[in-house]
Amino acid sequence: MSDIPVYMVVNLAVTDADKYRNYEKGFFGILKKYGGEFITFDDKPVTFEGIAPREGRMIIFRFPSEQVAQDWYADAQYQELSEHRRAGTKLEFLTMVHGLPPRG
């Protein structure tokens, strides 16, 4: 089960574009370091049913496993970098969603 990919789903509102840009500049290098893949972002997601995410940005990226995602989040360099995100956004959630296990 350790090789099942996980997806990170994020909802945030950018409140200080300069601080958030500092976060973005370092984010992709750290994501790559952990084998992560950026999938997409959307500043205007559409909700068909239920409660819509707070106004802001939805972001989706993936890691090869839950352990890798946990290691990425715990990385001291990432935590230092994420202070820019914390200072420049209002975060609604940063959630890990497990992928489907292989069918067999």
PDB file of N, CA and C in Angstrom:
ATOM      1  N   MET A   1       0.804  -1.197   0.000  1.00  0.00           N
ATOM      2  CA  MET A   1       0.000   0.000   0.000  1.00  0.00           C
ATOM      3  C   MET A   1       0.850   1.266   0.000  1.00  0.00           C
ATOM      4  N   SER A   2       2.140   1.151   0.294  1.00  0.00           N
ATOM      5  CA  SER A   2       2.971   2.345   0.425  1.00  0.00           C
ATOM      6  C   SER A   2       3.249   3.018  -0.912  1.00  0.00           C
ATOM      7  N   ASP A   3       2.975   2.313  -2.026  1.00  0.00           N
ATOM      8  CA  ASP A   3       3.252   2.914  -3.324  1.00  0.00           C
ATOM      9  C   ASP A   3       2.008   3.524  -3.964  1.00  0.00           C
ATOM     10  N   ILE A   4       0.957   3.706  -3.190  1.00  0.00           N
ATOM     11  CA  ILE A   4      -0.258   4.331  -3.699  1.00  0.00           C
ATOM     12  C   ILE A   4      -0.063   5.841  -3.680  1.00  0.00           C
ATOM     13  N   PRO A   5      -0.291   6.504  -4.816  1.00  0.00           N
ATOM     14  CA  PRO A   5      -0.107   7.952  -4.834  1.00  0.00           C
ATOM     15  C   PRO A   5      -1.131   8.664  -3.957  1.00  0.00           C
ATOM     16  N   VAL A   6      -0.753   9.849  -3.514  1.00  0.00           N
ATOM     17  CA  VAL A   6      -1.678  10.701  -2.767  1.00  0.00           C
ATOM     18  C   VAL A   6      -1.749  12.054  -3.469  1.00  0.00           C
ATOM     19  N   TYR A   7      -2.881  12.691  -3.299  1.00  0.00           N
ATOM     20  CA  TYR A   7      -3.132  13.989  -3.924  1.00  0.00           C
ATOM     21  C   TYR A   7      -3.319  15.020  -2.834  1.00  0.00           C
ATOM     22  N   MET A   8      -2.694  16.153  -3.008  1.00  0.00           N
ATOM     23  CA  MET A   8      -2.853  17.260  -2.083  1.00  0.00           C
ATOM     24  C   MET A   8      -3.840  18.231  -2.717  1.00  0.00           C
ATOM     25  N   VAL A   9      -4.866  18.587  -1.950  1.00  0.00           N
ATOM     26  CA  VAL A   9      -5.888  19.513  -2.411  1.00  0.00           C
ATOM     27  C   VAL A   9      -5.842  20.711  -1.470  1.00  0.00           C
ATOM     28  N   VAL A  10      -5.700  21.890  -2.042  1.00  0.00           N
ATOM     29  CA  VAL A  10      -5.495  23.102  -1.257  1.00  0.00           C
ATOM     30  C   VAL A  10      -6.524  24.142  -1.669  1.00  0.00           C
ATOM     31  N   ASN A  11      -7.069  24.842  -0.684  1.00  0.00           N
ATOM     32  CA  ASN A  11      -7.926  26.002  -0.954  1.00  0.00           C
ATOM     33  C   ASN A  11      -7.370  27.161  -0.144  1.00  0.00           C
ATOM     34  N   LEU A  12      -7.015  28.229  -0.849  1.00  0.00           N
ATOM     35  CA  LEU A  12      -6.481  29.400  -0.165  1.00  0.00           C
ATOM     36  C   LEU A  12      -6.867  30.662  -0.920  1.00  0.00           C
ATOM     37  N   ALA A  13      -6.842  31.761  -0.212  1.00  0.00           N
ATOM     38  CA  ALA A  13      -7.056  33.078  -0.809  1.00  0.00           C
ATOM     39  C   ALA A  13      -5.766  33.864  -0.639  1.00  0.00           C
ATOM     40  N   VAL A  14      -5.253  34.386  -1.737  1.00  0.00           N
ATOM     41  CA  VAL A  14      -4.030  35.184  -1.687  1.00  0.00           C
ATOM     42  C   VAL A  14      -4.376  36.563  -1.144  1.00  0.00           C
ATOM     43  N   THR A  15      -3.727  36.939  -0.046  1.00  0.00           N
ATOM     44  CA  THR A  15      -3.971  38.243   0.583  1.00  0.00           C
ATOM     45  C   THR A  15      -2.802  39.206   0.379  1.00  0.00           C
ATOM     46  N   ASP A  16      -1.614  38.665   0.098  1.00  0.00           N
ATOM     47  CA  ASP A  16      -0.430  39.478  -0.165  1.00  0.00           C
ATOM     48  C   ASP A  16       0.346  38.795  -1.290  1.00  0.00           C
ATOM     49  N   ALA A  17       0.169  39.304  -2.513  1.00  0.00           N
ATOM     50  CA  ALA A  17       0.742  38.658  -3.697  1.00  0.00           C
ATOM     51  C   ALA A  17       2.265  38.561  -3.637  1.00  0.00           C
ATOM     52  N   ASP A  18       2.945  39.558  -3.088  1.00  0.00           N
ATOM     53  CA  ASP A  18       4.411  39.516  -3.026  1.00  0.00           C
ATOM     54  C   ASP A  18       4.896  38.395  -2.106  1.00  0.00           C
ATOM     55  N   LYS A  19       4.284  38.269  -0.949  1.00  0.00           N
ATOM     56  CA  LYS A  19       4.685  37.199  -0.024  1.00  0.00           C
ATOM     57  C   LYS A  19       4.377  35.832  -0.619  1.00  0.00           C
ATOM     58  N   TYR A  20       3.226  35.715  -1.254  1.00  0.00           N
ATOM     59  CA  TYR A  20       2.860  34.437  -1.865  1.00  0.00           C
ATOM     60  C   TYR A  20       3.800  34.108  -3.026  1.00  0.00           C
ATOM     61  N   ARG A  21       4.208  35.111  -3.794  1.00  0.00           N
ATOM     62  CA  ARG A  21       5.150  34.893  -4.892  1.00  0.00           C
ATOM     63  C   ARG A  21       6.472  34.341  -4.361  1.00  0.00           C
ATOM     64  N   ASN A  22       6.917  34.816  -3.201  1.00  0.00           N
ATOM     65  CA  ASN A  22       8.135  34.266  -2.588  1.00  0.00           C
ATOM     66  C   ASN A  22       7.965  32.779  -2.297  1.00  0.00           C
ATOM     67  N   TYR A  23       6.782  32.401  -1.859  1.00  0.00           N
ATOM     68  CA  TYR A  23       6.482  30.985  -1.614  1.00  0.00           C
ATOM     69  C   TYR A  23       6.518  30.207  -2.925  1.00  0.00           C
ATOM     70  N   GLU A  24       5.850  30.722  -3.932  1.00  0.00           N
ATOM     71  CA  GLU A  24       5.790  30.019  -5.220  1.00  0.00           C
ATOM     72  C   GLU A  24       7.183  29.801  -5.808  1.00  0.00           C
ATOM     73  N   LYS A  25       8.064  30.774  -5.657  1.00  0.00           N
ATOM     74  CA  LYS A  25       9.419  30.673  -6.222  1.00  0.00           C
ATOM     75  C   LYS A  25      10.170  29.465  -5.680  1.00  0.00           C
ATOM     76  N   GLY A  26       9.969  29.120  -4.419  1.00  0.00           N
ATOM     77  CA  GLY A  26      10.674  27.989  -3.836  1.00  0.00           C
ATOM     78  C   GLY A  26       9.891  26.687  -3.843  1.00  0.00           C
ATOM     79  N   PHE A  27       8.581  26.784  -4.049  1.00  0.00           N
ATOM     80  CA  PHE A  27       7.712  25.612  -3.927  1.00  0.00           C
ATOM     81  C   PHE A  27       8.060  24.500  -4.910  1.00  0.00           C
ATOM     82  N   PHE A  28       8.233  24.843  -6.175  1.00  0.00           N
ATOM     83  CA  PHE A  28       8.378  23.809  -7.199  1.00  0.00           C
ATOM     84  C   PHE A  28       9.666  23.007  -7.048  1.00  0.00           C
ATOM     85  N   GLY A  29      10.754  23.640  -6.596  1.00  0.00           N
ATOM     86  CA  GLY A  29      11.993  22.909  -6.366  1.00  0.00           C
ATOM     87  C   GLY A  29      11.858  21.880  -5.258  1.00  0.00           C
ATOM     88  N   ILE A  30      11.168  22.255  -4.202  1.00  0.00           N
ATOM     89  CA  ILE A  30      10.965  21.317  -3.086  1.00  0.00           C
ATOM     90  C   ILE A  30       9.988  20.223  -3.493  1.00  0.00           C
ATOM     91  N   LEU A  31       8.964  20.567  -4.248  1.00  0.00           N
ATOM     92  CA  LEU A  31       8.015  19.561  -4.752  1.00  0.00           C
ATOM     93  C   LEU A  31       8.764  18.513  -5.574  1.00  0.00           C
ATOM     94  N   LYS A  32       9.628  18.973  -6.477  1.00  0.00           N
ATOM     95  CA  LYS A  32      10.404  18.065  -7.332  1.00  0.00           C
ATOM     96  C   LYS A  32      11.341  17.186  -6.505  1.00  0.00           C
ATOM     97  N   LYS A  33      11.946  17.767  -5.467  1.00  0.00           N
ATOM     98  CA  LYS A  33      12.858  17.029  -4.588  1.00  0.00           C
ATOM     99  C   LYS A  33      12.182  15.779  -4.016  1.00  0.00           C
ATOM    100  N   TYR A  34      10.883  15.842  -3.800  1.00  0.00           N
ATOM    101  CA  TYR A  34      10.132  14.723  -3.230  1.00  0.00           C
ATOM    102  C   TYR A  34       9.345  13.935  -4.279  1.00  0.00           C
ATOM    103  N   GLY A  35       9.663  14.142  -5.537  1.00  0.00           N
ATOM    104  CA  GLY A  35       8.986  13.387  -6.595  1.00  0.00           C
ATOM    105  C   GLY A  35       7.546  13.819  -6.800  1.00  0.00           C
ATOM    106  N   GLY A  36       7.214  15.020  -6.342  1.00  0.00           N
ATOM    107  CA  GLY A  36       5.850  15.519  -6.496  1.00  0.00           C
ATOM    108  C   GLY A  36       5.594  16.020  -7.897  1.00  0.00           C
ATOM    109  N   GLU A  37       4.328  16.058  -8.245  1.00  0.00           N
ATOM    110  CA  GLU A  37       3.907  16.536  -9.559  1.00  0.00           C
ATOM    111  C   GLU A  37       2.788  17.556  -9.377  1.00  0.00           C
ATOM    112  N   PHE A  38       2.990  18.742  -9.915  1.00  0.00           N
ATOM    113  CA  PHE A  38       1.951  19.760  -9.885  1.00  0.00           C
ATOM    114  C   PHE A  38       0.931  19.400 -10.947  1.00  0.00           C
ATOM    115  N   ILE A  39      -0.349  19.362 -10.568  1.00  0.00           N
ATOM    116  CA  ILE A  39      -1.387  18.986 -11.525  1.00  0.00           C
ATOM    117  C   ILE A  39      -2.098  20.218 -12.069  1.00  0.00           C
ATOM    118  N   THR A  40      -2.655  21.057 -11.201  1.00  0.00           N
ATOM    119  CA  THR A  40      -3.370  22.233 -11.689  1.00  0.00           C
ATOM    120  C   THR A  40      -3.700  23.191 -10.560  1.00  0.00           C
ATOM    121  N   PHE A  41      -4.124  24.382 -10.945  1.00  0.00           N
ATOM    122  CA  PHE A  41      -4.722  25.319 -10.003  1.00  0.00           C
ATOM    123  C   PHE A  41      -5.850  26.031 -10.734  1.00  0.00           C
ATOM    124  N   ASP A  42      -6.782  26.578  -9.976  1.00  0.00           N
ATOM    125  CA  ASP A  42      -7.915  27.281 -10.573  1.00  0.00           C
ATOM    126  C   ASP A  42      -8.344  28.384  -9.617  1.00  0.00           C
ATOM    127  N   ASP A  43      -8.390  29.612 -10.123  1.00  0.00           N
ATOM    128  CA  ASP A  43      -8.837  30.733  -9.312  1.00  0.00           C
ATOM    129  C   ASP A  43     -10.354  30.912  -9.349  1.00  0.00           C
ATOM    130  N   LYS A  44     -11.037  30.151 -10.189  1.00  0.00           N
ATOM    131  CA  LYS A  44     -12.499  30.248 -10.278  1.00  0.00           C
ATOM    132  C   LYS A  44     -13.116  28.860 -10.405  1.00  0.00           C
ATOM    133  N   PRO A  45     -12.959  28.003  -9.371  1.00  0.00           N
ATOM    134  CA  PRO A  45     -13.550  26.665  -9.451  1.00  0.00           C
ATOM    135  C   PRO A  45     -15.079  26.752  -9.468  1.00  0.00           C
ATOM    136  N   VAL A  46     -15.704  25.752 -10.053  1.00  0.00           N
ATOM    137  CA  VAL A  46     -17.162  25.700 -10.172  1.00  0.00           C
ATOM    138  C   VAL A  46     -17.674  24.562  -9.301  1.00  0.00           C
ATOM    139  N   THR A  47     -18.609  24.859  -8.410  1.00  0.00           N
ATOM    140  CA  THR A  47     -19.207  23.851  -7.545  1.00  0.00           C
ATOM    141  C   THR A  47     -20.604  23.530  -8.069  1.00  0.00           C
ATOM    142  N   PHE A  48     -20.867  22.275  -8.366  1.00  0.00           N
ATOM    143  CA  PHE A  48     -22.176  21.862  -8.858  1.00  0.00           C
ATOM    144  C   PHE A  48     -23.156  21.575  -7.731  1.00  0.00           C
ATOM    145  N   GLU A  49     -22.661  21.052  -6.630  1.00  0.00           N
ATOM    146  CA  GLU A  49     -23.517  20.752  -5.487  1.00  0.00           C
ATOM    147  C   GLU A  49     -22.736  20.978  -4.214  1.00  0.00           C
ATOM    148  N   GLY A  50     -23.436  21.179  -3.111  1.00  0.00           N
ATOM    149  CA  GLY A  50     -22.799  21.326  -1.817  1.00  0.00           C
ATOM    150  C   GLY A  50     -22.260  22.734  -1.599  1.00  0.00           C
ATOM    151  N   ILE A  51     -21.476  22.860  -0.550  1.00  0.00           N
ATOM    152  CA  ILE A  51     -20.914  24.145  -0.171  1.00  0.00           C
ATOM    153  C   ILE A  51     -19.656  24.407  -0.984  1.00  0.00           C
ATOM    154  N   ALA A  52     -19.617  25.535  -1.655  1.00  0.00           N
ATOM    155  CA  ALA A  52     -18.468  25.877  -2.485  1.00  0.00           C
ATOM    156  C   ALA A  52     -17.268  26.208  -1.605  1.00  0.00           C
ATOM    157  N   PRO A  53     -16.063  25.930  -2.109  1.00  0.00           N
ATOM    158  CA  PRO A  53     -14.866  26.378  -1.386  1.00  0.00           C
ATOM    159  C   PRO A  53     -14.905  27.891  -1.240  1.00  0.00           C
ATOM    160  N   ARG A  54     -14.229  28.368  -0.237  1.00  0.00           N
ATOM    161  CA  ARG A  54     -14.121  29.810  -0.064  1.00  0.00           C
ATOM    162  C   ARG A  54     -13.565  30.415  -1.350  1.00  0.00           C
ATOM    163  N   GLU A  55     -13.936  31.635  -1.609  1.00  0.00           N
ATOM    164  CA  GLU A  55     -13.399  32.305  -2.785  1.00  0.00           C
ATOM    165  C   GLU A  55     -11.881  32.268  -2.702  1.00  0.00           C
ATOM    166  N   GLY A  56     -11.262  31.945  -3.790  1.00  0.00           N
ATOM    167  CA  GLY A  56      -9.814  31.860  -3.804  1.00  0.00           C
ATOM    168  C   GLY A  56      -9.356  30.782  -4.751  1.00  0.00           C
ATOM    169  N   ARG A  57      -8.198  30.268  -4.496  1.00  0.00           N
ATOM    170  CA  ARG A  57      -7.516  29.344  -5.388  1.00  0.00           C
ATOM    171  C   ARG A  57      -7.630  27.909  -4.898  1.00  0.00           C
ATOM    172  N   MET A  58      -7.939  27.011  -5.815  1.00  0.00           N
ATOM    173  CA  MET A  58      -7.869  25.574  -5.560  1.00  0.00           C
ATOM    174  C   MET A  58      -6.610  25.071  -6.267  1.00  0.00           C
ATOM    175  N   ILE A  59      -5.853  24.229  -5.572  1.00  0.00           N
ATOM    176  CA  ILE A  59      -4.588  23.716  -6.096  1.00  0.00           C
ATOM    177  C   ILE A  59      -4.582  22.204  -5.884  1.00  0.00           C
ATOM    178  N   ILE A  60      -4.086  21.468  -6.891  1.00  0.00           N
ATOM    179  CA  ILE A  60      -3.970  20.014  -6.776  1.00  0.00           C
ATOM    180  C   ILE A  60      -2.566  19.606  -7.224  1.00  0.00           C
ATOM    181  N   PHE A  61      -1.895  18.824  -6.371  1.00  0.00           N
ATOM    182  CA  PHE A  61      -0.618  18.227  -6.752  1.00  0.00           C
ATOM    183  C   PHE A  61      -0.545  16.851  -6.129  1.00  0.00           C
ATOM    184  N   ARG A  62       0.424  16.053  -6.546  1.00  0.00           N
ATOM    185  CA  ARG A  62       0.468  14.662  -6.078  1.00  0.00           C
ATOM    186  C   ARG A  62       1.876  14.269  -5.662  1.00  0.00           C
ATOM    187  N   PHE A  63       1.926  13.224  -4.831  1.00  0.00           N
ATOM    188  CA  PHE A  63       3.173  12.588  -4.429  1.00  0.00           C
ATOM    189  C   PHE A  63       3.040  11.089  -4.666  1.00  0.00           C
ATOM    190  N   PRO A  64       4.162  10.391  -4.802  1.00  0.00           N
ATOM    191  CA  PRO A  64       4.093   8.957  -5.078  1.00  0.00           C
ATOM    192  C   PRO A  64       3.553   8.111  -3.926  1.00  0.00           C
ATOM    193  N   SER A  65       3.574   8.641  -2.690  1.00  0.00           N
ATOM    194  CA  SER A  65       3.062   7.865  -1.555  1.00  0.00           C
ATOM    195  C   SER A  65       2.746   8.800  -0.398  1.00  0.00           C
ATOM    196  N   GLU A  66       2.014   8.261   0.562  1.00  0.00           N
ATOM    197  CA  GLU A  66       1.693   9.037   1.761  1.00  0.00           C
ATOM    198  C   GLU A  66       2.951   9.393   2.535  1.00  0.00           C
ATOM    199  N   GLN A  67       3.882   8.448   2.628  1.00  0.00           N
ATOM    200  CA  GLN A  67       5.110   8.717   3.376  1.00  0.00           C
ATOM    201  C   GLN A  67       5.904   9.857   2.747  1.00  0.00           C
ATOM    202  N   VAL A  68       5.985   9.874   1.437  1.00  0.00           N
ATOM    203  CA  VAL A  68       6.702  10.945   0.755  1.00  0.00           C
ATOM    204  C   VAL A  68       6.018  12.285   1.020  1.00  0.00           C
ATOM    205  N   ALA A  69       4.693  12.304   0.988  1.00  0.00           N
ATOM    206  CA  ALA A  69       3.949  13.545   1.269  1.00  0.00           C
ATOM    207  C   ALA A  69       4.219  14.023   2.692  1.00  0.00           C
ATOM    208  N   GLN A  70       4.242  13.095   3.635  1.00  0.00           N
ATOM    209  CA  GLN A  70       4.519  13.476   5.022  1.00  0.00           C
ATOM    210  C   GLN A  70       5.943  13.998   5.170  1.00  0.00           C
ATOM    211  N   ASP A  71       6.885  13.363   4.465  1.00  0.00           N
ATOM    212  CA  ASP A  71       8.276  13.827   4.510  1.00  0.00           C
ATOM    213  C   ASP A  71       8.403  15.221   3.908  1.00  0.00           C
ATOM    214  N   TRP A  72       7.701  15.471   2.799  1.00  0.00           N
ATOM    215  CA  TRP A  72       7.703  16.799   2.179  1.00  0.00           C
ATOM    216  C   TRP A  72       7.193  17.846   3.160  1.00  0.00           C
ATOM    217  N   TYR A  73       6.053  17.560   3.788  1.00  0.00           N
ATOM    218  CA  TYR A  73       5.452  18.542   4.684  1.00  0.00           C
ATOM    219  C   TYR A  73       6.343  18.814   5.898  1.00  0.00           C
ATOM    220  N   ALA A  74       7.033  17.778   6.384  1.00  0.00           N
ATOM    221  CA  ALA A  74       7.888  17.913   7.567  1.00  0.00           C
ATOM    222  C   ALA A  74       9.261  18.502   7.238  1.00  0.00           C
ATOM    223  N   ASP A  75       9.601  18.598   5.966  1.00  0.00           N
ATOM    224  CA  ASP A  75      10.913  19.102   5.552  1.00  0.00           C
ATOM    225  C   ASP A  75      11.143  20.509   6.117  1.00  0.00           C
ATOM    226  N   ALA A  76      12.260  20.709   6.786  1.00  0.00           N
ATOM    227  CA  ALA A  76      12.559  22.005   7.410  1.00  0.00           C
ATOM    228  C   ALA A  76      12.603  23.124   6.378  1.00  0.00           C
ATOM    229  N   GLN A  77      13.149  22.846   5.203  1.00  0.00           N
ATOM    230  CA  GLN A  77      13.210  23.858   4.144  1.00  0.00           C
ATOM    231  C   GLN A  77      11.800  24.237   3.695  1.00  0.00           C
ATOM    232  N   TYR A  78      10.919  23.230   3.557  1.00  0.00           N
ATOM    233  CA  TYR A  78       9.541  23.538   3.173  1.00  0.00           C
ATOM    234  C   TYR A  78       8.839  24.332   4.267  1.00  0.00           C
ATOM    235  N   GLN A  79       9.015  23.939   5.518  1.00  0.00           N
ATOM    236  CA  GLN A  79       8.347  24.660   6.603  1.00  0.00           C
ATOM    237  C   GLN A  79       8.810  26.108   6.671  1.00  0.00           C
ATOM    238  N   GLU A  80      10.090  26.334   6.438  1.00  0.00           N
ATOM    239  CA  GLU A  80      10.594  27.709   6.408  1.00  0.00           C
ATOM    240  C   GLU A  80       9.971  28.484   5.251  1.00  0.00           C
ATOM    241  N   LEU A  81       9.930  27.859   4.084  1.00  0.00           N
ATOM    242  CA  LEU A  81       9.331  28.486   2.912  1.00  0.00           C
ATOM    243  C   LEU A  81       7.840  28.753   3.125  1.00  0.00           C
ATOM    244  N   SER A  82       7.150  27.843   3.777  1.00  0.00           N
ATOM    245  CA  SER A  82       5.698  27.981   3.936  1.00  0.00           C
ATOM    246  C   SER A  82       5.312  29.153   4.830  1.00  0.00           C
ATOM    247  N   GLU A  83       6.272  29.717   5.547  1.00  0.00           N
ATOM    248  CA  GLU A  83       5.977  30.933   6.306  1.00  0.00           C
ATOM    249  C   GLU A  83       5.550  32.062   5.371  1.00  0.00           C
ATOM    250  N   HIS A  84       6.088  32.082   4.146  1.00  0.00           N
ATOM    251  CA  HIS A  84       5.660  33.073   3.149  1.00  0.00           C
ATOM    252  C   HIS A  84       4.201  32.829   2.758  1.00  0.00           C
ATOM    253  N   ARG A  85       3.827  31.538   2.587  1.00  0.00           N
ATOM    254  CA  ARG A  85       2.434  31.212   2.264  1.00  0.00           C
ATOM    255  C   ARG A  85       1.525  31.614   3.410  1.00  0.00           C
ATOM    256  N   ARG A  86       1.933  31.306   4.605  1.00  0.00           N
ATOM    257  CA  ARG A  86       1.105  31.645   5.768  1.00  0.00           C
ATOM    258  C   ARG A  86       0.924  33.153   5.901  1.00  0.00           C
ATOM    259  N   ALA A  87       1.984  33.909   5.587  1.00  0.00           N
ATOM    260  CA  ALA A  87       1.916  35.367   5.693  1.00  0.00           C
ATOM    261  C   ALA A  87       1.144  36.001   4.542  1.00  0.00           C
ATOM    262  N   GLY A  88       1.069  35.323   3.401  1.00  0.00           N
ATOM    263  CA  GLY A  88       0.469  35.923   2.217  1.00  0.00           C
ATOM    264  C   GLY A  88      -0.866  35.360   1.790  1.00  0.00           C
ATOM    265  N   THR A  89      -1.417  34.435   2.603  1.00  0.00           N
ATOM    266  CA  THR A  89      -2.699  33.831   2.224  1.00  0.00           C
ATOM    267  C   THR A  89      -3.561  33.581   3.455  1.00  0.00           C
ATOM    268  N   LYS A  90      -4.818  33.321   3.187  1.00  0.00           N
ATOM    269  CA  LYS A  90      -5.722  32.745   4.185  1.00  0.00           C
ATOM    270  C   LYS A  90      -5.984  31.324   3.705  1.00  0.00           C
ATOM    271  N   LEU A  91      -5.458  30.361   4.433  1.00  0.00           N
ATOM    272  CA  LEU A  91      -5.573  28.959   4.046  1.00  0.00           C
ATOM    273  C   LEU A  91      -6.862  28.379   4.614  1.00  0.00           C
ATOM    274  N   GLU A  92      -7.673  27.824   3.740  1.00  0.00           N
ATOM    275  CA  GLU A  92      -8.874  27.117   4.179  1.00  0.00           C
ATOM    276  C   GLU A  92      -8.512  25.676   4.540  1.00  0.00           C
ATOM    277  N   PHE A  93      -7.798  25.017   3.619  1.00  0.00           N
ATOM    278  CA  PHE A  93      -7.350  23.656   3.926  1.00  0.00           C
ATOM    279  C   PHE A  93      -6.199  23.244   3.028  1.00  0.00           C
ATOM    280  N   LEU A  94      -5.411  22.302   3.540  1.00  0.00           N
ATOM    281  CA  LEU A  94      -4.356  21.594   2.821  1.00  0.00           C
ATOM    282  C   LEU A  94      -4.610  20.141   3.188  1.00  0.00           C
ATOM    283  N   THR A  95      -5.222  19.404   2.278  1.00  0.00           N
ATOM    284  CA  THR A  95      -5.747  18.075   2.575  1.00  0.00           C
ATOM    285  C   THR A  95      -5.087  17.019   1.703  1.00  0.00           C
ATOM    286  N   MET A  96      -4.774  15.864   2.298  1.00  0.00           N
ATOM    287  CA  MET A  96      -4.226  14.742   1.548  1.00  0.00           C
ATOM    288  C   MET A  96      -5.353  13.756   1.241  1.00  0.00           C
ATOM    289  N   VAL A  97      -5.446  13.379  -0.039  1.00  0.00           N
ATOM    290  CA  VAL A  97      -6.450  12.422  -0.497  1.00  0.00           C
ATOM    291  C   VAL A  97      -5.706  11.221  -1.076  1.00  0.00           C
ATOM    292  N   HIS A  98      -6.030  10.031  -0.600  1.00  0.00           N
ATOM    293  CA  HIS A  98      -5.353   8.822  -1.078  1.00  0.00           C
ATOM    294  C   HIS A  98      -5.876   8.404  -2.452  1.00  0.00           C
ATOM    295  N   GLY A  99      -4.945   7.992  -3.314  1.00  0.00           N
ATOM    296  CA  GLY A  99      -5.326   7.451  -4.611  1.00  0.00           C
ATOM    297  C   GLY A  99      -5.883   6.047  -4.446  1.00  0.00           C
ATOM    298  N   LEU A 100      -6.430   5.518  -5.515  1.00  0.00           N
ATOM    299  CA  LEU A 100      -6.975   4.164  -5.495  1.00  0.00           C
ATOM    300  C   LEU A 100      -5.854   3.139  -5.533  1.00  0.00           C
ATOM    301  N   PRO A 101      -6.004   2.039  -4.782  1.00  0.00           N
ATOM    302  CA  PRO A 101      -4.994   0.983  -4.875  1.00  0.00           C
ATOM    303  C   PRO A 101      -5.097   0.295  -6.246  1.00  0.00           C
ATOM    304  N   PRO A 102      -4.016  -0.337  -6.674  1.00  0.00           N
ATOM    305  CA  PRO A 102      -4.070  -1.039  -7.962  1.00  0.00           C
ATOM    306  C   PRO A 102      -5.157  -2.113  -7.950  1.00  0.00           C
ATOM    307  N   ARG A 103      -5.821  -2.252  -9.056  1.00  0.00           N
ATOM    308  CA  ARG A 103      -6.866  -3.287  -9.170  1.00  0.00           C
ATOM    309  C   ARG A 103      -6.214  -4.566  -9.659  1.00  0.00           C
ATOM    310  N   GLY A 104      -6.676  -5.639  -9.114  1.00  0.00           N
ATOM    311  CA  GLY A 104      -6.049  -6.878  -9.558  1.00  0.00           C
ATOM    312  C   GLY A 104      -6.803  -8.035  -9.289  1.00  0.00           C
TER     313      GLY A 104
END
